[in-house]
PDB file of all heavy atoms in Angstrom:
ATOM      1  N   LEU A   1       0.703   5.589   6.978  1.00  0.00           N
ATOM      2  CA  LEU A   1      -0.411   5.475   6.044  1.00  0.00           C
ATOM      3  C   LEU A   1      -1.283   6.720   6.099  1.00  0.00           C
ATOM      4  O   LEU A   1      -1.710   7.231   5.049  1.00  0.00           O
ATOM      5  CB  LEU A   1      -1.240   4.232   6.357  1.00  0.00           C
ATOM      6  CG  LEU A   1      -2.450   3.985   5.451  1.00  0.00           C
ATOM      7  CD1 LEU A   1      -2.030   3.866   3.988  1.00  0.00           C
ATOM      8  CD2 LEU A   1      -3.205   2.734   5.898  1.00  0.00           C
ATOM      9  N   ARG A   2      -1.549   7.254   7.290  1.00  0.00           N
ATOM     10  CA  ARG A   2      -2.353   8.466   7.406  1.00  0.00           C
ATOM     11  C   ARG A   2      -1.694   9.641   6.708  1.00  0.00           C
ATOM     12  O   ARG A   2      -2.355  10.451   6.051  1.00  0.00           O
ATOM     13  CB  ARG A   2      -2.601   8.804   8.881  1.00  0.00           C
ATOM     14  CG  ARG A   2      -3.640   7.933   9.540  1.00  0.00           C
ATOM     15  CD  ARG A   2      -4.156   8.567  10.824  1.00  0.00           C
ATOM     16  NE  ARG A   2      -3.126   8.743  11.832  1.00  0.00           N
ATOM     17  CZ  ARG A   2      -2.769   7.804  12.694  1.00  0.00           C
ATOM     18  NH1 ARG A   2      -3.361   6.612  12.660  1.00  0.00           N
ATOM     19  NH2 ARG A   2      -1.843   8.042  13.596  1.00  0.00           N
ATOM     20  N   GLY A   3      -0.386   9.766   6.861  1.00  0.00           N
ATOM     21  CA  GLY A   3       0.330  10.838   6.187  1.00  0.00           C
ATOM     22  C   GLY A   3       0.233  10.717   4.680  1.00  0.00           C
ATOM     23  O   GLY A   3       0.017  11.713   3.969  1.00  0.00           O
ATOM     24  N   PHE A   4       0.403   9.502   4.169  1.00  0.00           N
ATOM     25  CA  PHE A   4       0.280   9.260   2.732  1.00  0.00           C
ATOM     26  C   PHE A   4      -1.121   9.610   2.248  1.00  0.00           C
ATOM     27  O   PHE A   4      -1.291  10.272   1.203  1.00  0.00           O
ATOM     28  CB  PHE A   4       0.604   7.794   2.431  1.00  0.00           C
ATOM     29  CG  PHE A   4       0.408   7.406   0.997  1.00  0.00           C
ATOM     30  CD1 PHE A   4       1.400   7.635   0.058  1.00  0.00           C
ATOM     31  CD2 PHE A   4      -0.777   6.824   0.577  1.00  0.00           C
ATOM     32  CE1 PHE A   4       1.219   7.293  -1.279  1.00  0.00           C
ATOM     33  CE2 PHE A   4      -0.973   6.480  -0.751  1.00  0.00           C
ATOM     34  CZ  PHE A   4       0.032   6.719  -1.685  1.00  0.00           C
ATOM     35  N   GLN A   5      -2.129   9.172   2.982  1.00  0.00           N
ATOM     36  CA  GLN A   5      -3.520   9.452   2.597  1.00  0.00           C
ATOM     37  C   GLN A   5      -3.789  10.955   2.567  1.00  0.00           C
ATOM     38  O   GLN A   5      -4.506  11.444   1.679  1.00  0.00           O
ATOM     39  CB  GLN A   5      -4.473   8.755   3.569  1.00  0.00           C
ATOM     40  CG  GLN A   5      -4.474   7.238   3.443  1.00  0.00           C
ATOM     41  CD  GLN A   5      -5.208   6.553   4.579  1.00  0.00           C
ATOM     42  OE1 GLN A   5      -5.259   7.072   5.707  1.00  0.00           O
ATOM     43  NE2 GLN A   5      -5.775   5.377   4.324  1.00  0.00           N
ATOM     44  N   ARG A   6      -3.225  11.688   3.495  1.00  0.00           N
ATOM     45  CA  ARG A   6      -3.417  13.145   3.523  1.00  0.00           C
ATOM     46  C   ARG A   6      -2.791  13.798   2.296  1.00  0.00           C
ATOM     47  O   ARG A   6      -3.382  14.705   1.686  1.00  0.00           O
ATOM     48  CB  ARG A   6      -2.805  13.715   4.813  1.00  0.00           C
ATOM     49  CG  ARG A   6      -2.942  15.217   4.951  1.00  0.00           C
ATOM     50  CD  ARG A   6      -2.733  15.643   6.400  1.00  0.00           C
ATOM     51  NE  ARG A   6      -1.426  15.258   6.903  1.00  0.00           N
ATOM     52  CZ  ARG A   6      -0.319  16.009   6.800  1.00  0.00           C
ATOM     53  NH1 ARG A   6      -0.366  17.179   6.161  1.00  0.00           N
ATOM     54  NH2 ARG A   6       0.817  15.592   7.317  1.00  0.00           N
ATOM     55  N   ALA A   7      -1.607  13.325   1.898  1.00  0.00           N
ATOM     56  CA  ALA A   7      -0.960  13.866   0.707  1.00  0.00           C
ATOM     57  C   ALA A   7      -1.799  13.622  -0.538  1.00  0.00           C
ATOM     58  O   ALA A   7      -1.929  14.490  -1.410  1.00  0.00           O
ATOM     59  CB  ALA A   7       0.429  13.242   0.534  1.00  0.00           C
ATOM     60  N   MET A   8      -2.395  12.431  -0.629  1.00  0.00           N
ATOM     61  CA  MET A   8      -3.242  12.114  -1.780  1.00  0.00           C
ATOM     62  C   MET A   8      -4.519  12.963  -1.761  1.00  0.00           C
ATOM     63  O   MET A   8      -4.945  13.497  -2.793  1.00  0.00           O
ATOM     64  CB  MET A   8      -3.616  10.626  -1.765  1.00  0.00           C
ATOM     65  CG  MET A   8      -2.436   9.661  -1.923  1.00  0.00           C
ATOM     66  SD  MET A   8      -1.543   9.825  -3.495  1.00  0.00           S
ATOM     67  CE  MET A   8      -0.091  10.729  -2.933  1.00  0.00           C
ATOM     68  N   ALA A   9      -5.138  13.104  -0.592  1.00  0.00           N
ATOM     69  CA  ALA A   9      -6.388  13.860  -0.481  1.00  0.00           C
ATOM     70  C   ALA A   9      -6.183  15.311  -0.867  1.00  0.00           C
ATOM     71  O   ALA A   9      -7.038  15.918  -1.545  1.00  0.00           O
ATOM     72  CB  ALA A   9      -6.931  13.756   0.941  1.00  0.00           C
ATOM     73  N   GLU A  10      -5.059  15.897  -0.461  1.00  0.00           N
ATOM     74  CA  GLU A  10      -4.790  17.299  -0.789  1.00  0.00           C
ATOM     75  C   GLU A  10      -4.643  17.520  -2.284  1.00  0.00           C
ATOM     76  O   GLU A  10      -4.872  18.627  -2.773  1.00  0.00           O
ATOM     77  CB  GLU A  10      -3.516  17.758  -0.071  1.00  0.00           C
ATOM     78  CG  GLU A  10      -3.698  17.951   1.431  1.00  0.00           C
ATOM     79  CD  GLU A  10      -2.429  18.434   2.101  1.00  0.00           C
ATOM     80  OE1 GLU A  10      -1.428  18.675   1.378  1.00  0.00           O
ATOM     81  OE2 GLU A  10      -2.414  18.576   3.339  1.00  0.00           O
ATOM     82  N   ARG A  11      -4.299  16.482  -3.013  1.00  0.00           N
ATOM     83  CA  ARG A  11      -4.099  16.596  -4.460  1.00  0.00           C
ATOM     84  C   ARG A  11      -5.244  15.987  -5.261  1.00  0.00           C
ATOM     85  O   ARG A  11      -5.147  15.852  -6.481  1.00  0.00           O
ATOM     86  CB  ARG A  11      -2.752  15.944  -4.828  1.00  0.00           C
ATOM     87  CG  ARG A  11      -1.585  16.773  -4.316  1.00  0.00           C
ATOM     88  CD  ARG A  11      -0.306  15.987  -4.139  1.00  0.00           C
ATOM     89  NE  ARG A  11       0.742  16.868  -3.627  1.00  0.00           N
ATOM     90  CZ  ARG A  11       0.867  17.227  -2.350  1.00  0.00           C
ATOM     91  NH1 ARG A  11       0.015  16.759  -1.453  1.00  0.00           N
ATOM     92  NH2 ARG A  11       1.813  18.063  -1.983  1.00  0.00           N
ATOM     93  N   GLY A  12      -6.288  15.595  -4.573  1.00  0.00           N
ATOM     94  CA  GLY A  12      -7.466  15.063  -5.253  1.00  0.00           C
ATOM     95  C   GLY A  12      -7.250  13.702  -5.887  1.00  0.00           C
ATOM     96  O   GLY A  12      -7.951  13.339  -6.834  1.00  0.00           O
ATOM     97  N   ILE A  13      -6.285  12.932  -5.359  1.00  0.00           N
ATOM     98  CA  ILE A  13      -5.991  11.608  -5.911  1.00  0.00           C
ATOM     99  C   ILE A  13      -6.732  10.565  -5.079  1.00  0.00           C
ATOM    100  O   ILE A  13      -6.527  10.471  -3.873  1.00  0.00           O
ATOM    101  CB  ILE A  13      -4.484  11.323  -5.913  1.00  0.00           C
ATOM    102  CG1 ILE A  13      -3.741  12.359  -6.766  1.00  0.00           C
ATOM    103  CG2 ILE A  13      -4.205   9.902  -6.411  1.00  0.00           C
ATOM    104  CD1 ILE A  13      -2.233  12.235  -6.705  1.00  0.00           C
ATOM    105  N   GLU A  14      -7.573   9.799  -5.708  1.00  0.00           N
ATOM    106  CA  GLU A  14      -8.334   8.767  -5.011  1.00  0.00           C
ATOM    107  C   GLU A  14      -7.472   7.517  -4.849  1.00  0.00           C
ATOM    108  O   GLU A  14      -6.811   7.063  -5.792  1.00  0.00           O
ATOM    109  CB  GLU A  14      -9.598   8.433  -5.787  1.00  0.00           C
ATOM    110  CG  GLU A  14     -10.523   7.467  -5.065  1.00  0.00           C
ATOM    111  CD  GLU A  14     -11.829   7.250  -5.806  1.00  0.00           C
ATOM    112  OE1 GLU A  14     -12.107   7.987  -6.774  1.00  0.00           O
ATOM    113  OE2 GLU A  14     -12.577   6.333  -5.411  1.00  0.00           O
ATOM    114  N   ILE A  15      -7.482   6.956  -3.647  1.00  0.00           N
ATOM    115  CA  ILE A  15      -6.689   5.761  -3.357  1.00  0.00           C
ATOM    116  C   ILE A  15      -7.550   4.524  -3.583  1.00  0.00           C
ATOM    117  O   ILE A  15      -8.617   4.375  -2.996  1.00  0.00           O
ATOM    118  CB  ILE A  15      -6.171   5.777  -1.911  1.00  0.00           C
ATOM    119  CG1 ILE A  15      -5.265   6.998  -1.681  1.00  0.00           C
ATOM    120  CG2 ILE A  15      -5.410   4.490  -1.594  1.00  0.00           C
ATOM    121  CD1 ILE A  15      -4.819   7.158  -0.232  1.00  0.00           C
ATOM    122  N   ASP A  16      -7.089   3.648  -4.458  1.00  0.00           N
ATOM    123  CA  ASP A  16      -7.777   2.374  -4.691  1.00  0.00           C
ATOM    124  C   ASP A  16      -7.490   1.451  -3.503  1.00  0.00           C
ATOM    125  O   ASP A  16      -6.327   1.127  -3.235  1.00  0.00           O
ATOM    126  CB  ASP A  16      -7.264   1.750  -5.988  1.00  0.00           C
ATOM    127  CG  ASP A  16      -7.965   0.449  -6.355  1.00  0.00           C
ATOM    128  OD1 ASP A  16      -8.707  -0.090  -5.505  1.00  0.00           O
ATOM    129  OD2 ASP A  16      -7.761  -0.036  -7.481  1.00  0.00           O
ATOM    130  N   PRO A  17      -8.523   1.026  -2.755  1.00  0.00           N
ATOM    131  CA  PRO A  17      -8.295   0.146  -1.596  1.00  0.00           C
ATOM    132  C   PRO A  17      -7.504  -1.114  -1.943  1.00  0.00           C
ATOM    133  O   PRO A  17      -6.781  -1.658  -1.095  1.00  0.00           O
ATOM    134  CB  PRO A  17      -9.712  -0.205  -1.132  1.00  0.00           C
ATOM    135  CG  PRO A  17     -10.568   0.923  -1.622  1.00  0.00           C
ATOM    136  CD  PRO A  17      -9.952   1.337  -2.926  1.00  0.00           C
ATOM    137  N   ALA A  18      -7.628  -1.576  -3.192  1.00  0.00           N
ATOM    138  CA  ALA A  18      -6.905  -2.785  -3.608  1.00  0.00           C
ATOM    139  C   ALA A  18      -5.399  -2.556  -3.648  1.00  0.00           C
ATOM    140  O   ALA A  18      -4.614  -3.513  -3.646  1.00  0.00           O
ATOM    141  CB  ALA A  18      -7.392  -3.252  -4.971  1.00  0.00           C
ATOM    142  N   LEU A  19      -4.994  -1.271  -3.671  1.00  0.00           N
ATOM    143  CA  LEU A  19      -3.572  -0.950  -3.734  1.00  0.00           C
ATOM    144  C   LEU A  19      -2.962  -0.700  -2.350  1.00  0.00           C
ATOM    145  O   LEU A  19      -1.798  -0.297  -2.259  1.00  0.00           O
ATOM    146  CB  LEU A  19      -3.348   0.275  -4.624  1.00  0.00           C
ATOM    147  CG  LEU A  19      -3.579   0.056  -6.126  1.00  0.00           C
ATOM    148  CD1 LEU A  19      -3.399   1.362  -6.885  1.00  0.00           C
ATOM    149  CD2 LEU A  19      -2.629  -1.005  -6.667  1.00  0.00           C
ATOM    150  N   VAL A  20      -3.714  -0.920  -1.298  1.00  0.00           N
ATOM    151  CA  VAL A  20      -3.179  -0.836   0.058  1.00  0.00           C
ATOM    152  C   VAL A  20      -3.069  -2.263   0.593  1.00  0.00           C
ATOM    153  O   VAL A  20      -4.072  -2.908   0.904  1.00  0.00           O
ATOM    154  CB  VAL A  20      -4.067   0.026   0.975  1.00  0.00           C
ATOM    155  CG1 VAL A  20      -3.476   0.082   2.376  1.00  0.00           C
ATOM    156  CG2 VAL A  20      -4.219   1.430   0.403  1.00  0.00           C
ATOM    157  N   VAL A  21      -1.854  -2.771   0.681  1.00  0.00           N
ATOM    158  CA  VAL A  21      -1.613  -4.182   0.992  1.00  0.00           C
ATOM    159  C   VAL A  21      -0.812  -4.296   2.288  1.00  0.00           C
ATOM    160  O   VAL A  21       0.256  -3.691   2.423  1.00  0.00           O
ATOM    161  CB  VAL A  21      -0.848  -4.877  -0.150  1.00  0.00           C
ATOM    162  CG1 VAL A  21      -0.594  -6.343   0.195  1.00  0.00           C
ATOM    163  CG2 VAL A  21      -1.627  -4.753  -1.462  1.00  0.00           C
ATOM    164  N   GLU A  22      -1.318  -5.076   3.231  1.00  0.00           N
ATOM    165  CA  GLU A  22      -0.616  -5.269   4.495  1.00  0.00           C
ATOM    166  C   GLU A  22       0.470  -6.326   4.348  1.00  0.00           C
ATOM    167  O   GLU A  22       0.222  -7.418   3.842  1.00  0.00           O
ATOM    168  CB  GLU A  22      -1.607  -5.680   5.593  1.00  0.00           C
ATOM    169  CG  GLU A  22      -0.970  -5.824   6.966  1.00  0.00           C
ATOM    170  CD  GLU A  22      -1.977  -6.206   8.041  1.00  0.00           C
ATOM    171  OE1 GLU A  22      -3.134  -5.731   7.977  1.00  0.00           O
ATOM    172  OE2 GLU A  22      -1.604  -6.994   8.940  1.00  0.00           O
ATOM    173  N   MET A  23       1.658  -5.983   4.807  1.00  0.00           N
ATOM    174  CA  MET A  23       2.803  -6.882   4.748  1.00  0.00           C
ATOM    175  C   MET A  23       3.235  -7.256   6.162  1.00  0.00           C
ATOM    176  O   MET A  23       2.877  -6.592   7.135  1.00  0.00           O
ATOM    177  CB  MET A  23       3.980  -6.191   4.045  1.00  0.00           C
ATOM    178  CG  MET A  23       3.641  -5.548   2.711  1.00  0.00           C
ATOM    179  SD  MET A  23       3.406  -6.743   1.398  1.00  0.00           S
ATOM    180  CE  MET A  23       5.118  -7.181   1.050  1.00  0.00           C
ATOM    181  N   ASP A  24       4.037  -8.304   6.283  1.00  0.00           N
ATOM    182  CA  ASP A  24       4.696  -8.620   7.539  1.00  0.00           C
ATOM    183  C   ASP A  24       5.823  -7.603   7.721  1.00  0.00           C
ATOM    184  O   ASP A  24       6.669  -7.443   6.844  1.00  0.00           O
ATOM    185  CB  ASP A  24       5.261 -10.042   7.461  1.00  0.00           C
ATOM    186  CG  ASP A  24       5.876 -10.503   8.768  1.00  0.00           C
ATOM    187  OD1 ASP A  24       6.322  -9.642   9.554  1.00  0.00           O
ATOM    188  OD2 ASP A  24       5.922 -11.723   9.004  1.00  0.00           O
ATOM    189  N   ALA A  25       5.826  -6.903   8.848  1.00  0.00           N
ATOM    190  CA  ALA A  25       6.834  -5.861   9.074  1.00  0.00           C
ATOM    191  C   ALA A  25       8.250  -6.404   9.046  1.00  0.00           C
ATOM    192  O   ALA A  25       9.201  -5.661   8.813  1.00  0.00           O
ATOM    193  CB  ALA A  25       6.568  -5.152  10.396  1.00  0.00           C
ATOM    194  N   SER A  26       8.412  -7.700   9.288  1.00  0.00           N
ATOM    195  CA  SER A  26       9.740  -8.303   9.262  1.00  0.00           C
ATOM    196  C   SER A  26      10.223  -8.596   7.845  1.00  0.00           C
ATOM    197  O   SER A  26      11.339  -9.053   7.646  1.00  0.00           O
ATOM    198  CB  SER A  26       9.751  -9.609  10.065  1.00  0.00           C
ATOM    199  OG  SER A  26       8.955 -10.596   9.427  1.00  0.00           O
ATOM    200  N   ALA A  27       9.344  -8.361   6.852  1.00  0.00           N
ATOM    201  CA  ALA A  27       9.676  -8.554   5.430  1.00  0.00           C
ATOM    202  C   ALA A  27       9.870 -10.006   5.051  1.00  0.00           C
ATOM    203  O   ALA A  27      10.343 -10.301   3.959  1.00  0.00           O
ATOM    204  CB  ALA A  27      10.930  -7.748   5.036  1.00  0.00           C
ATOM    205  N   SER A  28       9.468 -10.918   5.922  1.00  0.00           N
ATOM    206  CA  SER A  28       9.703 -12.332   5.649  1.00  0.00           C
ATOM    207  C   SER A  28       8.887 -12.857   4.473  1.00  0.00           C
ATOM    208  O   SER A  28       9.250 -13.859   3.861  1.00  0.00           O
ATOM    209  CB  SER A  28       9.401 -13.161   6.898  1.00  0.00           C
ATOM    210  OG  SER A  28       8.041 -13.011   7.277  1.00  0.00           O
ATOM    211  N   ASP A  29       7.774 -12.189   4.152  1.00  0.00           N
ATOM    212  CA  ASP A  29       6.933 -12.671   3.057  1.00  0.00           C
ATOM    213  C   ASP A  29       6.838 -11.670   1.913  1.00  0.00           C
ATOM    214  O   ASP A  29       5.955 -11.762   1.076  1.00  0.00           O
ATOM    215  CB  ASP A  29       5.524 -12.996   3.577  1.00  0.00           C
ATOM    216  CG  ASP A  29       4.780 -11.749   4.051  1.00  0.00           C
ATOM    217  OD1 ASP A  29       5.442 -10.691   4.224  1.00  0.00           O
ATOM    218  OD2 ASP A  29       3.551 -11.819   4.226  1.00  0.00           O
ATOM    219  N   SER A  30       7.762 -10.703   1.867  1.00  0.00           N
ATOM    220  CA  SER A  30       7.655  -9.622   0.878  1.00  0.00           C
ATOM    221  C   SER A  30       7.698 -10.120  -0.554  1.00  0.00           C
ATOM    222  O   SER A  30       6.879  -9.728  -1.389  1.00  0.00           O
ATOM    223  CB  SER A  30       8.775  -8.598   1.105  1.00  0.00           C
ATOM    224  OG  SER A  30       8.643  -7.983   2.355  1.00  0.00           O
ATOM    225  N   VAL A  31       8.665 -10.974  -0.848  1.00  0.00           N
ATOM    226  CA  VAL A  31       8.819 -11.449  -2.226  1.00  0.00           C
ATOM    227  C   VAL A  31       7.563 -12.192  -2.683  1.00  0.00           C
ATOM    228  O   VAL A  31       7.044 -11.951  -3.779  1.00  0.00           O
ATOM    229  CB  VAL A  31      10.066 -12.339  -2.357  1.00  0.00           C
ATOM    230  CG1 VAL A  31      10.116 -12.974  -3.741  1.00  0.00           C
ATOM    231  CG2 VAL A  31      11.330 -11.524  -2.102  1.00  0.00           C
ATOM    232  N   GLN A  32       7.059 -13.081  -1.826  1.00  0.00           N
ATOM    233  CA  GLN A  32       5.856 -13.831  -2.183  1.00  0.00           C
ATOM    234  C   GLN A  32       4.659 -12.914  -2.375  1.00  0.00           C
ATOM    235  O   GLN A  32       3.893 -13.068  -3.332  1.00  0.00           O
ATOM    236  CB  GLN A  32       5.540 -14.861  -1.099  1.00  0.00           C
ATOM    237  CG  GLN A  32       4.290 -15.699  -1.391  1.00  0.00           C
ATOM    238  CD  GLN A  32       3.985 -16.688  -0.288  1.00  0.00           C
ATOM    239  OE1 GLN A  32       4.835 -16.992   0.540  1.00  0.00           O
ATOM    240  NE2 GLN A  32       2.771 -17.190  -0.268  1.00  0.00           N
ATOM    241  N   LYS A  33       4.509 -11.922  -1.506  1.00  0.00           N
ATOM    242  CA  LYS A  33       3.389 -10.992  -1.624  1.00  0.00           C
ATOM    243  C   LYS A  33       3.463 -10.184  -2.920  1.00  0.00           C
ATOM    244  O   LYS A  33       2.461  -9.981  -3.592  1.00  0.00           O
ATOM    245  CB  LYS A  33       3.375 -10.031  -0.423  1.00  0.00           C
ATOM    246  CG  LYS A  33       2.708 -10.580   0.821  1.00  0.00           C
ATOM    247  CD  LYS A  33       1.184 -10.481   0.724  1.00  0.00           C
ATOM    248  CE  LYS A  33       0.502 -10.941   2.014  1.00  0.00           C
ATOM    249  NZ  LYS A  33       0.681 -10.006   3.129  1.00  0.00           N
ATOM    250  N   ILE A  34       4.656  -9.721  -3.255  1.00  0.00           N
ATOM    251  CA  ILE A  34       4.820  -8.944  -4.484  1.00  0.00           C
ATOM    252  C   ILE A  34       4.513  -9.809  -5.707  1.00  0.00           C
ATOM    253  O   ILE A  34       3.870  -9.361  -6.667  1.00  0.00           O
ATOM    254  CB  ILE A  34       6.240  -8.362  -4.582  1.00  0.00           C
ATOM    255  CG1 ILE A  34       6.438  -7.306  -3.489  1.00  0.00           C
ATOM    256  CG2 ILE A  34       6.476  -7.732  -5.944  1.00  0.00           C
ATOM    257  CD1 ILE A  34       5.484  -6.140  -3.564  1.00  0.00           C
ATOM    258  N   GLU A  35       4.960 -11.055  -5.677  1.00  0.00           N
ATOM    259  CA  GLU A  35       4.665 -11.948  -6.797  1.00  0.00           C
ATOM    260  C   GLU A  35       3.157 -12.174  -6.937  1.00  0.00           C
ATOM    261  O   GLU A  35       2.629 -12.238  -8.049  1.00  0.00           O
ATOM    262  CB  GLU A  35       5.404 -13.270  -6.602  1.00  0.00           C
ATOM    263  CG  GLU A  35       6.915 -13.125  -6.792  1.00  0.00           C
ATOM    264  CD  GLU A  35       7.668 -14.414  -6.582  1.00  0.00           C
ATOM    265  OE1 GLU A  35       7.072 -15.366  -6.025  1.00  0.00           O
ATOM    266  OE2 GLU A  35       8.848 -14.470  -6.966  1.00  0.00           O
ATOM    267  N   GLU A  36       2.455 -12.262  -5.813  1.00  0.00           N
ATOM    268  CA  GLU A  36       0.995 -12.397  -5.856  1.00  0.00           C
ATOM    269  C   GLU A  36       0.345 -11.141  -6.427  1.00  0.00           C
ATOM    270  O   GLU A  36      -0.616 -11.213  -7.202  1.00  0.00           O
ATOM    271  CB  GLU A  36       0.457 -12.666  -4.447  1.00  0.00           C
ATOM    272  CG  GLU A  36       0.820 -14.048  -3.906  1.00  0.00           C
ATOM    273  CD  GLU A  36       0.440 -14.217  -2.438  1.00  0.00           C
ATOM    274  OE1 GLU A  36      -0.100 -13.238  -1.852  1.00  0.00           O
ATOM    275  OE2 GLU A  36       0.681 -15.297  -1.882  1.00  0.00           O
ATOM    276  N   ILE A  37       0.886  -9.981  -6.058  1.00  0.00           N
ATOM    277  CA  ILE A  37       0.356  -8.715  -6.577  1.00  0.00           C
ATOM    278  C   ILE A  37       0.584  -8.615  -8.076  1.00  0.00           C
ATOM    279  O   ILE A  37      -0.306  -8.222  -8.835  1.00  0.00           O
ATOM    280  CB  ILE A  37       1.010  -7.522  -5.839  1.00  0.00           C
ATOM    281  CG1 ILE A  37       0.540  -7.494  -4.384  1.00  0.00           C
ATOM    282  CG2 ILE A  37       0.668  -6.209  -6.538  1.00  0.00           C
ATOM    283  CD1 ILE A  37       1.337  -6.543  -3.510  1.00  0.00           C
ATOM    284  N   LEU A  38       1.785  -8.988  -8.524  1.00  0.00           N
ATOM    285  CA  LEU A  38       2.069  -8.948  -9.960  1.00  0.00           C
ATOM    286  C   LEU A  38       1.164  -9.908 -10.736  1.00  0.00           C
ATOM    287  O   LEU A  38       0.695  -9.595 -11.829  1.00  0.00           O
ATOM    288  CB  LEU A  38       3.539  -9.289 -10.210  1.00  0.00           C
ATOM    289  CG  LEU A  38       4.558  -8.247  -9.720  1.00  0.00           C
ATOM    290  CD1 LEU A  38       5.969  -8.786  -9.857  1.00  0.00           C
ATOM    291  CD2 LEU A  38       4.405  -6.944 -10.499  1.00  0.00           C
TER     292      LEU A  38
END
């Protein structure tokens, strides 16, 4: 995440906090989370 944020900052792109979503690293809830985001 820090690396991604640095790439955005260098290009003047503001990151919307609503677009940073924490997932279960095991991916067990990925489909449900994406459906909620959509």
